[in-house]
Amino acid sequence: VTIDAGTKESPVLLEVGKKNGNNSP
């Protein structure tokens, strides 16, 4: 798969998992 940015800014194009705190699995 190829992922392209568009003309309005995206914060990220592909995110794997959420940024959790140190105690989150």
PDBML (XML) file of the C-alpha atoms, coordinates in Angstrom:
<?xml version="1.0" encoding="UTF-8" ?>
<PDBx:datablock datablockName="MODEL"
   xmlns:PDBx="http://pdbml.pdb.org/schema/pdbx-v50.xsd"
   xmlns:xsi="http://www.w3.org/2001/XMLSchema-instance"
   xsi:schemaLocation="http://pdbml.pdb.org/schema/pdbx-v50.xsd pdbx-v50.xsd">
   <PDBx:atom_siteCategory>
      <PDBx:atom_site id="1">
         <PDBx:B_iso_or_equiv>0.00</PDBx:B_iso_or_equiv>
         <PDBx:Cartn_x>0.000</PDBx:Cartn_x>
         <PDBx:Cartn_y>0.000</PDBx:Cartn_y>
         <PDBx:Cartn_z>0.000</PDBx:Cartn_z>
         <PDBx:auth_asym_id>A</PDBx:auth_asym_id>
         <PDBx:auth_atom_id>CA</PDBx:auth_atom_id>
         <PDBx:auth_comp_id>VAL</PDBx:auth_comp_id>
         <PDBx:auth_seq_id>1</PDBx:auth_seq_id>
         <PDBx:group_PDB>ATOM</PDBx:group_PDB>
         <PDBx:label_alt_id xsi:nil="true" />
         <PDBx:label_asym_id>A</PDBx:label_asym_id>
         <PDBx:label_atom_id>CA</PDBx:label_atom_id>
         <PDBx:label_comp_id>VAL</PDBx:label_comp_id>
         <PDBx:label_entity_id>1</PDBx:label_entity_id>
         <PDBx:label_seq_id>1</PDBx:label_seq_id>
         <PDBx:occupancy>1.00</PDBx:occupancy>
         <PDBx:pdbx_PDB_model_num>1</PDBx:pdbx_PDB_model_num>
         <PDBx:type_symbol>C</PDBx:type_symbol>
      </PDBx:atom_site>
      <PDBx:atom_site id="2">
         <PDBx:B_iso_or_equiv>0.00</PDBx:B_iso_or_equiv>
         <PDBx:Cartn_x>1.159</PDBx:Cartn_x>
         <PDBx:Cartn_y>3.536</PDBx:Cartn_y>
         <PDBx:Cartn_z>-0.805</PDBx:Cartn_z>
         <PDBx:auth_asym_id>A</PDBx:auth_asym_id>
         <PDBx:auth_atom_id>CA</PDBx:auth_atom_id>
         <PDBx:auth_comp_id>THR</PDBx:auth_comp_id>
         <PDBx:auth_seq_id>2</PDBx:auth_seq_id>
         <PDBx:group_PDB>ATOM</PDBx:group_PDB>
         <PDBx:label_alt_id xsi:nil="true" />
         <PDBx:label_asym_id>A</PDBx:label_asym_id>
         <PDBx:label_atom_id>CA</PDBx:label_atom_id>
         <PDBx:label_comp_id>THR</PDBx:label_comp_id>
         <PDBx:label_entity_id>1</PDBx:label_entity_id>
         <PDBx:label_seq_id>2</PDBx:label_seq_id>
         <PDBx:occupancy>1.00</PDBx:occupancy>
         <PDBx:pdbx_PDB_model_num>1</PDBx:pdbx_PDB_model_num>
         <PDBx:type_symbol>C</PDBx:type_symbol>
      </PDBx:atom_site>
      <PDBx:atom_site id="3">
         <PDBx:B_iso_or_equiv>0.00</PDBx:B_iso_or_equiv>
         <PDBx:Cartn_x>-0.101</PDBx:Cartn_x>
         <PDBx:Cartn_y>6.410</PDBx:Cartn_y>
         <PDBx:Cartn_z>1.377</PDBx:Cartn_z>
         <PDBx:auth_asym_id>A</PDBx:auth_asym_id>
         <PDBx:auth_atom_id>CA</PDBx:auth_atom_id>
         <PDBx:auth_comp_id>ILE</PDBx:auth_comp_id>
         <PDBx:auth_seq_id>3</PDBx:auth_seq_id>
         <PDBx:group_PDB>ATOM</PDBx:group_PDB>
         <PDBx:label_alt_id xsi:nil="true" />
         <PDBx:label_asym_id>A</PDBx:label_asym_id>
         <PDBx:label_atom_id>CA</PDBx:label_atom_id>
         <PDBx:label_comp_id>ILE</PDBx:label_comp_id>
         <PDBx:label_entity_id>1</PDBx:label_entity_id>
         <PDBx:label_seq_id>3</PDBx:label_seq_id>
         <PDBx:occupancy>1.00</PDBx:occupancy>
         <PDBx:pdbx_PDB_model_num>1</PDBx:pdbx_PDB_model_num>
         <PDBx:type_symbol>C</PDBx:type_symbol>
      </PDBx:atom_site>
      <PDBx:atom_site id="4">
         <PDBx:B_iso_or_equiv>0.00</PDBx:B_iso_or_equiv>
         <PDBx:Cartn_x>-0.065</PDBx:Cartn_x>
         <PDBx:Cartn_y>9.999</PDBx:Cartn_y>
         <PDBx:Cartn_z>0.116</PDBx:Cartn_z>
         <PDBx:auth_asym_id>A</PDBx:auth_asym_id>
         <PDBx:auth_atom_id>CA</PDBx:auth_atom_id>
         <PDBx:auth_comp_id>ASP</PDBx:auth_comp_id>
         <PDBx:auth_seq_id>4</PDBx:auth_seq_id>
         <PDBx:group_PDB>ATOM</PDBx:group_PDB>
         <PDBx:label_alt_id xsi:nil="true" />
         <PDBx:label_asym_id>A</PDBx:label_asym_id>
         <PDBx:label_atom_id>CA</PDBx:label_atom_id>
         <PDBx:label_comp_id>ASP</PDBx:label_comp_id>
         <PDBx:label_entity_id>1</PDBx:label_entity_id>
         <PDBx:label_seq_id>4</PDBx:label_seq_id>
         <PDBx:occupancy>1.00</PDBx:occupancy>
         <PDBx:pdbx_PDB_model_num>1</PDBx:pdbx_PDB_model_num>
         <PDBx:type_symbol>C</PDBx:type_symbol>
      </PDBx:atom_site>
      <PDBx:atom_site id="5">
         <PDBx:B_iso_or_equiv>0.00</PDBx:B_iso_or_equiv>
         <PDBx:Cartn_x>-0.451</PDBx:Cartn_x>
         <PDBx:Cartn_y>13.239</PDBx:Cartn_y>
         <PDBx:Cartn_z>2.025</PDBx:Cartn_z>
         <PDBx:auth_asym_id>A</PDBx:auth_asym_id>
         <PDBx:auth_atom_id>CA</PDBx:auth_atom_id>
         <PDBx:auth_comp_id>ALA</PDBx:auth_comp_id>
         <PDBx:auth_seq_id>5</PDBx:auth_seq_id>
         <PDBx:group_PDB>ATOM</PDBx:group_PDB>
         <PDBx:label_alt_id xsi:nil="true" />
         <PDBx:label_asym_id>A</PDBx:label_asym_id>
         <PDBx:label_atom_id>CA</PDBx:label_atom_id>
         <PDBx:label_comp_id>ALA</PDBx:label_comp_id>
         <PDBx:label_entity_id>1</PDBx:label_entity_id>
         <PDBx:label_seq_id>5</PDBx:label_seq_id>
         <PDBx:occupancy>1.00</PDBx:occupancy>
         <PDBx:pdbx_PDB_model_num>1</PDBx:pdbx_PDB_model_num>
         <PDBx:type_symbol>C</PDBx:type_symbol>
      </PDBx:atom_site>
      <PDBx:atom_site id="6">
         <PDBx:B_iso_or_equiv>0.00</PDBx:B_iso_or_equiv>
         <PDBx:Cartn_x>-3.150</PDBx:Cartn_x>
         <PDBx:Cartn_y>15.581</PDBx:Cartn_y>
         <PDBx:Cartn_z>0.772</PDBx:Cartn_z>
         <PDBx:auth_asym_id>A</PDBx:auth_asym_id>
         <PDBx:auth_atom_id>CA</PDBx:auth_atom_id>
         <PDBx:auth_comp_id>GLY</PDBx:auth_comp_id>
         <PDBx:auth_seq_id>6</PDBx:auth_seq_id>
         <PDBx:group_PDB>ATOM</PDBx:group_PDB>
         <PDBx:label_alt_id xsi:nil="true" />
         <PDBx:label_asym_id>A</PDBx:label_asym_id>
         <PDBx:label_atom_id>CA</PDBx:label_atom_id>
         <PDBx:label_comp_id>GLY</PDBx:label_comp_id>
         <PDBx:label_entity_id>1</PDBx:label_entity_id>
         <PDBx:label_seq_id>6</PDBx:label_seq_id>
         <PDBx:occupancy>1.00</PDBx:occupancy>
         <PDBx:pdbx_PDB_model_num>1</PDBx:pdbx_PDB_model_num>
         <PDBx:type_symbol>C</PDBx:type_symbol>
      </PDBx:atom_site>
      <PDBx:atom_site id="7">
         <PDBx:B_iso_or_equiv>0.00</PDBx:B_iso_or_equiv>
         <PDBx:Cartn_x>-3.264</PDBx:Cartn_x>
         <PDBx:Cartn_y>19.350</PDBx:Cartn_y>
         <PDBx:Cartn_z>0.381</PDBx:Cartn_z>
         <PDBx:auth_asym_id>A</PDBx:auth_asym_id>
         <PDBx:auth_atom_id>CA</PDBx:auth_atom_id>
         <PDBx:auth_comp_id>THR</PDBx:auth_comp_id>
         <PDBx:auth_seq_id>7</PDBx:auth_seq_id>
         <PDBx:group_PDB>ATOM</PDBx:group_PDB>
         <PDBx:label_alt_id xsi:nil="true" />
         <PDBx:label_asym_id>A</PDBx:label_asym_id>
         <PDBx:label_atom_id>CA</PDBx:label_atom_id>
         <PDBx:label_comp_id>THR</PDBx:label_comp_id>
         <PDBx:label_entity_id>1</PDBx:label_entity_id>
         <PDBx:label_seq_id>7</PDBx:label_seq_id>
         <PDBx:occupancy>1.00</PDBx:occupancy>
         <PDBx:pdbx_PDB_model_num>1</PDBx:pdbx_PDB_model_num>
         <PDBx:type_symbol>C</PDBx:type_symbol>
      </PDBx:atom_site>
      <PDBx:atom_site id="8">
         <PDBx:B_iso_or_equiv>0.00</PDBx:B_iso_or_equiv>
         <PDBx:Cartn_x>-4.412</PDBx:Cartn_x>
         <PDBx:Cartn_y>19.948</PDBx:Cartn_y>
         <PDBx:Cartn_z>3.977</PDBx:Cartn_z>
         <PDBx:auth_asym_id>A</PDBx:auth_asym_id>
         <PDBx:auth_atom_id>CA</PDBx:auth_atom_id>
         <PDBx:auth_comp_id>LYS</PDBx:auth_comp_id>
         <PDBx:auth_seq_id>8</PDBx:auth_seq_id>
         <PDBx:group_PDB>ATOM</PDBx:group_PDB>
         <PDBx:label_alt_id xsi:nil="true" />
         <PDBx:label_asym_id>A</PDBx:label_asym_id>
         <PDBx:label_atom_id>CA</PDBx:label_atom_id>
         <PDBx:label_comp_id>LYS</PDBx:label_comp_id>
         <PDBx:label_entity_id>1</PDBx:label_entity_id>
         <PDBx:label_seq_id>8</PDBx:label_seq_id>
         <PDBx:occupancy>1.00</PDBx:occupancy>
         <PDBx:pdbx_PDB_model_num>1</PDBx:pdbx_PDB_model_num>
         <PDBx:type_symbol>C</PDBx:type_symbol>
      </PDBx:atom_site>
      <PDBx:atom_site id="9">
         <PDBx:B_iso_or_equiv>0.00</PDBx:B_iso_or_equiv>
         <PDBx:Cartn_x>-1.951</PDBx:Cartn_x>
         <PDBx:Cartn_y>18.884</PDBx:Cartn_y>
         <PDBx:Cartn_z>6.665</PDBx:Cartn_z>
         <PDBx:auth_asym_id>A</PDBx:auth_asym_id>
         <PDBx:auth_atom_id>CA</PDBx:auth_atom_id>
         <PDBx:auth_comp_id>GLU</PDBx:auth_comp_id>
         <PDBx:auth_seq_id>9</PDBx:auth_seq_id>
         <PDBx:group_PDB>ATOM</PDBx:group_PDB>
         <PDBx:label_alt_id xsi:nil="true" />
         <PDBx:label_asym_id>A</PDBx:label_asym_id>
         <PDBx:label_atom_id>CA</PDBx:label_atom_id>
         <PDBx:label_comp_id>GLU</PDBx:label_comp_id>
         <PDBx:label_entity_id>1</PDBx:label_entity_id>
         <PDBx:label_seq_id>9</PDBx:label_seq_id>
         <PDBx:occupancy>1.00</PDBx:occupancy>
         <PDBx:pdbx_PDB_model_num>1</PDBx:pdbx_PDB_model_num>
         <PDBx:type_symbol>C</PDBx:type_symbol>
      </PDBx:atom_site>
      <PDBx:atom_site id="10">
         <PDBx:B_iso_or_equiv>0.00</PDBx:B_iso_or_equiv>
         <PDBx:Cartn_x>-2.473</PDBx:Cartn_x>
         <PDBx:Cartn_y>15.474</PDBx:Cartn_y>
         <PDBx:Cartn_z>8.251</PDBx:Cartn_z>
         <PDBx:auth_asym_id>A</PDBx:auth_asym_id>
         <PDBx:auth_atom_id>CA</PDBx:auth_atom_id>
         <PDBx:auth_comp_id>SER</PDBx:auth_comp_id>
         <PDBx:auth_seq_id>10</PDBx:auth_seq_id>
         <PDBx:group_PDB>ATOM</PDBx:group_PDB>
         <PDBx:label_alt_id xsi:nil="true" />
         <PDBx:label_asym_id>A</PDBx:label_asym_id>
         <PDBx:label_atom_id>CA</PDBx:label_atom_id>
         <PDBx:label_comp_id>SER</PDBx:label_comp_id>
         <PDBx:label_entity_id>1</PDBx:label_entity_id>
         <PDBx:label_seq_id>10</PDBx:label_seq_id>
         <PDBx:occupancy>1.00</PDBx:occupancy>
         <PDBx:pdbx_PDB_model_num>1</PDBx:pdbx_PDB_model_num>
         <PDBx:type_symbol>C</PDBx:type_symbol>
      </PDBx:atom_site>
      <PDBx:atom_site id="11">
         <PDBx:B_iso_or_equiv>0.00</PDBx:B_iso_or_equiv>
         <PDBx:Cartn_x>-1.001</PDBx:Cartn_x>
         <PDBx:Cartn_y>14.909</PDBx:Cartn_y>
         <PDBx:Cartn_z>11.712</PDBx:Cartn_z>
         <PDBx:auth_asym_id>A</PDBx:auth_asym_id>
         <PDBx:auth_atom_id>CA</PDBx:auth_atom_id>
         <PDBx:auth_comp_id>PRO</PDBx:auth_comp_id>
         <PDBx:auth_seq_id>11</PDBx:auth_seq_id>
         <PDBx:group_PDB>ATOM</PDBx:group_PDB>
         <PDBx:label_alt_id xsi:nil="true" />
         <PDBx:label_asym_id>A</PDBx:label_asym_id>
         <PDBx:label_atom_id>CA</PDBx:label_atom_id>
         <PDBx:label_comp_id>PRO</PDBx:label_comp_id>
         <PDBx:label_entity_id>1</PDBx:label_entity_id>
         <PDBx:label_seq_id>11</PDBx:label_seq_id>
         <PDBx:occupancy>1.00</PDBx:occupancy>
         <PDBx:pdbx_PDB_model_num>1</PDBx:pdbx_PDB_model_num>
         <PDBx:type_symbol>C</PDBx:type_symbol>
      </PDBx:atom_site>
      <PDBx:atom_site id="12">
         <PDBx:B_iso_or_equiv>0.00</PDBx:B_iso_or_equiv>
         <PDBx:Cartn_x>0.160</PDBx:Cartn_x>
         <PDBx:Cartn_y>11.469</PDBx:Cartn_y>
         <PDBx:Cartn_z>10.569</PDBx:Cartn_z>
         <PDBx:auth_asym_id>A</PDBx:auth_asym_id>
         <PDBx:auth_atom_id>CA</PDBx:auth_atom_id>
         <PDBx:auth_comp_id>VAL</PDBx:auth_comp_id>
         <PDBx:auth_seq_id>12</PDBx:auth_seq_id>
         <PDBx:group_PDB>ATOM</PDBx:group_PDB>
         <PDBx:label_alt_id xsi:nil="true" />
         <PDBx:label_asym_id>A</PDBx:label_asym_id>
         <PDBx:label_atom_id>CA</PDBx:label_atom_id>
         <PDBx:label_comp_id>VAL</PDBx:label_comp_id>
         <PDBx:label_entity_id>1</PDBx:label_entity_id>
         <PDBx:label_seq_id>12</PDBx:label_seq_id>
         <PDBx:occupancy>1.00</PDBx:occupancy>
         <PDBx:pdbx_PDB_model_num>1</PDBx:pdbx_PDB_model_num>
         <PDBx:type_symbol>C</PDBx:type_symbol>
      </PDBx:atom_site>
      <PDBx:atom_site id="13">
         <PDBx:B_iso_or_equiv>0.00</PDBx:B_iso_or_equiv>
         <PDBx:Cartn_x>-0.431</PDBx:Cartn_x>
         <PDBx:Cartn_y>9.231</PDBx:Cartn_y>
         <PDBx:Cartn_z>7.547</PDBx:Cartn_z>
         <PDBx:auth_asym_id>A</PDBx:auth_asym_id>
         <PDBx:auth_atom_id>CA</PDBx:auth_atom_id>
         <PDBx:auth_comp_id>LEU</PDBx:auth_comp_id>
         <PDBx:auth_seq_id>13</PDBx:auth_seq_id>
         <PDBx:group_PDB>ATOM</PDBx:group_PDB>
         <PDBx:label_alt_id xsi:nil="true" />
         <PDBx:label_asym_id>A</PDBx:label_asym_id>
         <PDBx:label_atom_id>CA</PDBx:label_atom_id>
         <PDBx:label_comp_id>LEU</PDBx:label_comp_id>
         <PDBx:label_entity_id>1</PDBx:label_entity_id>
         <PDBx:label_seq_id>13</PDBx:label_seq_id>
         <PDBx:occupancy>1.00</PDBx:occupancy>
         <PDBx:pdbx_PDB_model_num>1</PDBx:pdbx_PDB_model_num>
         <PDBx:type_symbol>C</PDBx:type_symbol>
      </PDBx:atom_site>
      <PDBx:atom_site id="14">
         <PDBx:B_iso_or_equiv>0.00</PDBx:B_iso_or_equiv>
         <PDBx:Cartn_x>-0.260</PDBx:Cartn_x>
         <PDBx:Cartn_y>5.841</PDBx:Cartn_y>
         <PDBx:Cartn_z>9.298</PDBx:Cartn_z>
         <PDBx:auth_asym_id>A</PDBx:auth_asym_id>
         <PDBx:auth_atom_id>CA</PDBx:auth_atom_id>
         <PDBx:auth_comp_id>LEU</PDBx:auth_comp_id>
         <PDBx:auth_seq_id>14</PDBx:auth_seq_id>
         <PDBx:group_PDB>ATOM</PDBx:group_PDB>
         <PDBx:label_alt_id xsi:nil="true" />
         <PDBx:label_asym_id>A</PDBx:label_asym_id>
         <PDBx:label_atom_id>CA</PDBx:label_atom_id>
         <PDBx:label_comp_id>LEU</PDBx:label_comp_id>
         <PDBx:label_entity_id>1</PDBx:label_entity_id>
         <PDBx:label_seq_id>14</PDBx:label_seq_id>
         <PDBx:occupancy>1.00</PDBx:occupancy>
         <PDBx:pdbx_PDB_model_num>1</PDBx:pdbx_PDB_model_num>
         <PDBx:type_symbol>C</PDBx:type_symbol>
      </PDBx:atom_site>
      <PDBx:atom_site id="15">
         <PDBx:B_iso_or_equiv>0.00</PDBx:B_iso_or_equiv>
         <PDBx:Cartn_x>-0.344</PDBx:Cartn_x>
         <PDBx:Cartn_y>5.336</PDBx:Cartn_y>
         <PDBx:Cartn_z>13.047</PDBx:Cartn_z>
         <PDBx:auth_asym_id>A</PDBx:auth_asym_id>
         <PDBx:auth_atom_id>CA</PDBx:auth_atom_id>
         <PDBx:auth_comp_id>GLU</PDBx:auth_comp_id>
         <PDBx:auth_seq_id>15</PDBx:auth_seq_id>
         <PDBx:group_PDB>ATOM</PDBx:group_PDB>
         <PDBx:label_alt_id xsi:nil="true" />
         <PDBx:label_asym_id>A</PDBx:label_asym_id>
         <PDBx:label_atom_id>CA</PDBx:label_atom_id>
         <PDBx:label_comp_id>GLU</PDBx:label_comp_id>
         <PDBx:label_entity_id>1</PDBx:label_entity_id>
         <PDBx:label_seq_id>15</PDBx:label_seq_id>
         <PDBx:occupancy>1.00</PDBx:occupancy>
         <PDBx:pdbx_PDB_model_num>1</PDBx:pdbx_PDB_model_num>
         <PDBx:type_symbol>C</PDBx:type_symbol>
      </PDBx:atom_site>
      <PDBx:atom_site id="16">
         <PDBx:B_iso_or_equiv>0.00</PDBx:B_iso_or_equiv>
         <PDBx:Cartn_x>0.329</PDBx:Cartn_x>
         <PDBx:Cartn_y>1.936</PDBx:Cartn_y>
         <PDBx:Cartn_z>14.601</PDBx:Cartn_z>
         <PDBx:auth_asym_id>A</PDBx:auth_asym_id>
         <PDBx:auth_atom_id>CA</PDBx:auth_atom_id>
         <PDBx:auth_comp_id>VAL</PDBx:auth_comp_id>
         <PDBx:auth_seq_id>16</PDBx:auth_seq_id>
         <PDBx:group_PDB>ATOM</PDBx:group_PDB>
         <PDBx:label_alt_id xsi:nil="true" />
         <PDBx:label_asym_id>A</PDBx:label_asym_id>
         <PDBx:label_atom_id>CA</PDBx:label_atom_id>
         <PDBx:label_comp_id>VAL</PDBx:label_comp_id>
         <PDBx:label_entity_id>1</PDBx:label_entity_id>
         <PDBx:label_seq_id>16</PDBx:label_seq_id>
         <PDBx:occupancy>1.00</PDBx:occupancy>
         <PDBx:pdbx_PDB_model_num>1</PDBx:pdbx_PDB_model_num>
         <PDBx:type_symbol>C</PDBx:type_symbol>
      </PDBx:atom_site>
      <PDBx:atom_site id="17">
         <PDBx:B_iso_or_equiv>0.00</PDBx:B_iso_or_equiv>
         <PDBx:Cartn_x>-1.003</PDBx:Cartn_x>
         <PDBx:Cartn_y>1.840</PDBx:Cartn_y>
         <PDBx:Cartn_z>18.163</PDBx:Cartn_z>
         <PDBx:auth_asym_id>A</PDBx:auth_asym_id>
         <PDBx:auth_atom_id>CA</PDBx:auth_atom_id>
         <PDBx:auth_comp_id>GLY</PDBx:auth_comp_id>
         <PDBx:auth_seq_id>17</PDBx:auth_seq_id>
         <PDBx:group_PDB>ATOM</PDBx:group_PDB>
         <PDBx:label_alt_id xsi:nil="true" />
         <PDBx:label_asym_id>A</PDBx:label_asym_id>
         <PDBx:label_atom_id>CA</PDBx:label_atom_id>
         <PDBx:label_comp_id>GLY</PDBx:label_comp_id>
         <PDBx:label_entity_id>1</PDBx:label_entity_id>
         <PDBx:label_seq_id>17</PDBx:label_seq_id>
         <PDBx:occupancy>1.00</PDBx:occupancy>
         <PDBx:pdbx_PDB_model_num>1</PDBx:pdbx_PDB_model_num>
         <PDBx:type_symbol>C</PDBx:type_symbol>
      </PDBx:atom_site>
      <PDBx:atom_site id="18">
         <PDBx:B_iso_or_equiv>0.00</PDBx:B_iso_or_equiv>
         <PDBx:Cartn_x>-1.740</PDBx:Cartn_x>
         <PDBx:Cartn_y>4.756</PDBx:Cartn_y>
         <PDBx:Cartn_z>20.453</PDBx:Cartn_z>
         <PDBx:auth_asym_id>A</PDBx:auth_asym_id>
         <PDBx:auth_atom_id>CA</PDBx:auth_atom_id>
         <PDBx:auth_comp_id>LYS</PDBx:auth_comp_id>
         <PDBx:auth_seq_id>18</PDBx:auth_seq_id>
         <PDBx:group_PDB>ATOM</PDBx:group_PDB>
         <PDBx:label_alt_id xsi:nil="true" />
         <PDBx:label_asym_id>A</PDBx:label_asym_id>
         <PDBx:label_atom_id>CA</PDBx:label_atom_id>
         <PDBx:label_comp_id>LYS</PDBx:label_comp_id>
         <PDBx:label_entity_id>1</PDBx:label_entity_id>
         <PDBx:label_seq_id>18</PDBx:label_seq_id>
         <PDBx:occupancy>1.00</PDBx:occupancy>
         <PDBx:pdbx_PDB_model_num>1</PDBx:pdbx_PDB_model_num>
         <PDBx:type_symbol>C</PDBx:type_symbol>
      </PDBx:atom_site>
      <PDBx:atom_site id="19">
         <PDBx:B_iso_or_equiv>0.00</PDBx:B_iso_or_equiv>
         <PDBx:Cartn_x>0.868</PDBx:Cartn_x>
         <PDBx:Cartn_y>6.592</PDBx:Cartn_y>
         <PDBx:Cartn_z>22.466</PDBx:Cartn_z>
         <PDBx:auth_asym_id>A</PDBx:auth_asym_id>
         <PDBx:auth_atom_id>CA</PDBx:auth_atom_id>
         <PDBx:auth_comp_id>LYS</PDBx:auth_comp_id>
         <PDBx:auth_seq_id>19</PDBx:auth_seq_id>
         <PDBx:group_PDB>ATOM</PDBx:group_PDB>
         <PDBx:label_alt_id xsi:nil="true" />
         <PDBx:label_asym_id>A</PDBx:label_asym_id>
         <PDBx:label_atom_id>CA</PDBx:label_atom_id>
         <PDBx:label_comp_id>LYS</PDBx:label_comp_id>
         <PDBx:label_entity_id>1</PDBx:label_entity_id>
         <PDBx:label_seq_id>19</PDBx:label_seq_id>
         <PDBx:occupancy>1.00</PDBx:occupancy>
         <PDBx:pdbx_PDB_model_num>1</PDBx:pdbx_PDB_model_num>
         <PDBx:type_symbol>C</PDBx:type_symbol>
      </PDBx:atom_site>
      <PDBx:atom_site id="20">
         <PDBx:B_iso_or_equiv>0.00</PDBx:B_iso_or_equiv>
         <PDBx:Cartn_x>0.070</PDBx:Cartn_x>
         <PDBx:Cartn_y>5.293</PDBx:Cartn_y>
         <PDBx:Cartn_z>25.944</PDBx:Cartn_z>
         <PDBx:auth_asym_id>A</PDBx:auth_asym_id>
         <PDBx:auth_atom_id>CA</PDBx:auth_atom_id>
         <PDBx:auth_comp_id>ASN</PDBx:auth_comp_id>
         <PDBx:auth_seq_id>20</PDBx:auth_seq_id>
         <PDBx:group_PDB>ATOM</PDBx:group_PDB>
         <PDBx:label_alt_id xsi:nil="true" />
         <PDBx:label_asym_id>A</PDBx:label_asym_id>
         <PDBx:label_atom_id>CA</PDBx:label_atom_id>
         <PDBx:label_comp_id>ASN</PDBx:label_comp_id>
         <PDBx:label_entity_id>1</PDBx:label_entity_id>
         <PDBx:label_seq_id>20</PDBx:label_seq_id>
         <PDBx:occupancy>1.00</PDBx:occupancy>
         <PDBx:pdbx_PDB_model_num>1</PDBx:pdbx_PDB_model_num>
         <PDBx:type_symbol>C</PDBx:type_symbol>
      </PDBx:atom_site>
      <PDBx:atom_site id="21">
         <PDBx:B_iso_or_equiv>0.00</PDBx:B_iso_or_equiv>
         <PDBx:Cartn_x>1.436</PDBx:Cartn_x>
         <PDBx:Cartn_y>6.138</PDBx:Cartn_y>
         <PDBx:Cartn_z>29.358</PDBx:Cartn_z>
         <PDBx:auth_asym_id>A</PDBx:auth_asym_id>
         <PDBx:auth_atom_id>CA</PDBx:auth_atom_id>
         <PDBx:auth_comp_id>GLY</PDBx:auth_comp_id>
         <PDBx:auth_seq_id>21</PDBx:auth_seq_id>
         <PDBx:group_PDB>ATOM</PDBx:group_PDB>
         <PDBx:label_alt_id xsi:nil="true" />
         <PDBx:label_asym_id>A</PDBx:label_asym_id>
         <PDBx:label_atom_id>CA</PDBx:label_atom_id>
         <PDBx:label_comp_id>GLY</PDBx:label_comp_id>
         <PDBx:label_entity_id>1</PDBx:label_entity_id>
         <PDBx:label_seq_id>21</PDBx:label_seq_id>
         <PDBx:occupancy>1.00</PDBx:occupancy>
         <PDBx:pdbx_PDB_model_num>1</PDBx:pdbx_PDB_model_num>
         <PDBx:type_symbol>C</PDBx:type_symbol>
      </PDBx:atom_site>
      <PDBx:atom_site id="22">
         <PDBx:B_iso_or_equiv>0.00</PDBx:B_iso_or_equiv>
         <PDBx:Cartn_x>4.089</PDBx:Cartn_x>
         <PDBx:Cartn_y>3.941</PDBx:Cartn_y>
         <PDBx:Cartn_z>30.907</PDBx:Cartn_z>
         <PDBx:auth_asym_id>A</PDBx:auth_asym_id>
         <PDBx:auth_atom_id>CA</PDBx:auth_atom_id>
         <PDBx:auth_comp_id>ASN</PDBx:auth_comp_id>
         <PDBx:auth_seq_id>22</PDBx:auth_seq_id>
         <PDBx:group_PDB>ATOM</PDBx:group_PDB>
         <PDBx:label_alt_id xsi:nil="true" />
         <PDBx:label_asym_id>A</PDBx:label_asym_id>
         <PDBx:label_atom_id>CA</PDBx:label_atom_id>
         <PDBx:label_comp_id>ASN</PDBx:label_comp_id>
         <PDBx:label_entity_id>1</PDBx:label_entity_id>
         <PDBx:label_seq_id>22</PDBx:label_seq_id>
         <PDBx:occupancy>1.00</PDBx:occupancy>
         <PDBx:pdbx_PDB_model_num>1</PDBx:pdbx_PDB_model_num>
         <PDBx:type_symbol>C</PDBx:type_symbol>
      </PDBx:atom_site>
      <PDBx:atom_site id="23">
         <PDBx:B_iso_or_equiv>0.00</PDBx:B_iso_or_equiv>
         <PDBx:Cartn_x>1.488</PDBx:Cartn_x>
         <PDBx:Cartn_y>1.856</PDBx:Cartn_y>
         <PDBx:Cartn_z>32.762</PDBx:Cartn_z>
         <PDBx:auth_asym_id>A</PDBx:auth_asym_id>
         <PDBx:auth_atom_id>CA</PDBx:auth_atom_id>
         <PDBx:auth_comp_id>ASN</PDBx:auth_comp_id>
         <PDBx:auth_seq_id>23</PDBx:auth_seq_id>
         <PDBx:group_PDB>ATOM</PDBx:group_PDB>
         <PDBx:label_alt_id xsi:nil="true" />
         <PDBx:label_asym_id>A</PDBx:label_asym_id>
         <PDBx:label_atom_id>CA</PDBx:label_atom_id>
         <PDBx:label_comp_id>ASN</PDBx:label_comp_id>
         <PDBx:label_entity_id>1</PDBx:label_entity_id>
         <PDBx:label_seq_id>23</PDBx:label_seq_id>
         <PDBx:occupancy>1.00</PDBx:occupancy>
         <PDBx:pdbx_PDB_model_num>1</PDBx:pdbx_PDB_model_num>
         <PDBx:type_symbol>C</PDBx:type_symbol>
      </PDBx:atom_site>
      <PDBx:atom_site id="24">
         <PDBx:B_iso_or_equiv>0.00</PDBx:B_iso_or_equiv>
         <PDBx:Cartn_x>-0.661</PDBx:Cartn_x>
         <PDBx:Cartn_y>1.087</PDBx:Cartn_y>
         <PDBx:Cartn_z>29.710</PDBx:Cartn_z>
         <PDBx:auth_asym_id>A</PDBx:auth_asym_id>
         <PDBx:auth_atom_id>CA</PDBx:auth_atom_id>
         <PDBx:auth_comp_id>SER</PDBx:auth_comp_id>
         <PDBx:auth_seq_id>24</PDBx:auth_seq_id>
         <PDBx:group_PDB>ATOM</PDBx:group_PDB>
         <PDBx:label_alt_id xsi:nil="true" />
         <PDBx:label_asym_id>A</PDBx:label_asym_id>
         <PDBx:label_atom_id>CA</PDBx:label_atom_id>
         <PDBx:label_comp_id>SER</PDBx:label_comp_id>
         <PDBx:label_entity_id>1</PDBx:label_entity_id>
         <PDBx:label_seq_id>24</PDBx:label_seq_id>
         <PDBx:occupancy>1.00</PDBx:occupancy>
         <PDBx:pdbx_PDB_model_num>1</PDBx:pdbx_PDB_model_num>
         <PDBx:type_symbol>C</PDBx:type_symbol>
      </PDBx:atom_site>
      <PDBx:atom_site id="25">
         <PDBx:B_iso_or_equiv>0.00</PDBx:B_iso_or_equiv>
         <PDBx:Cartn_x>-0.146</PDBx:Cartn_x>
         <PDBx:Cartn_y>-2.275</PDBx:Cartn_y>
         <PDBx:Cartn_z>28.009</PDBx:Cartn_z>
         <PDBx:auth_asym_id>A</PDBx:auth_asym_id>
         <PDBx:auth_atom_id>CA</PDBx:auth_atom_id>
         <PDBx:auth_comp_id>PRO</PDBx:auth_comp_id>
         <PDBx:auth_seq_id>25</PDBx:auth_seq_id>
         <PDBx:group_PDB>ATOM</PDBx:group_PDB>
         <PDBx:label_alt_id xsi:nil="true" />
         <PDBx:label_asym_id>A</PDBx:label_asym_id>
         <PDBx:label_atom_id>CA</PDBx:label_atom_id>
         <PDBx:label_comp_id>PRO</PDBx:label_comp_id>
         <PDBx:label_entity_id>1</PDBx:label_entity_id>
         <PDBx:label_seq_id>25</PDBx:label_seq_id>
         <PDBx:occupancy>1.00</PDBx:occupancy>
         <PDBx:pdbx_PDB_model_num>1</PDBx:pdbx_PDB_model_num>
         <PDBx:type_symbol>C</PDBx:type_symbol>
      </PDBx:atom_site>
   </PDBx:atom_siteCategory>
</PDBx:datablock>
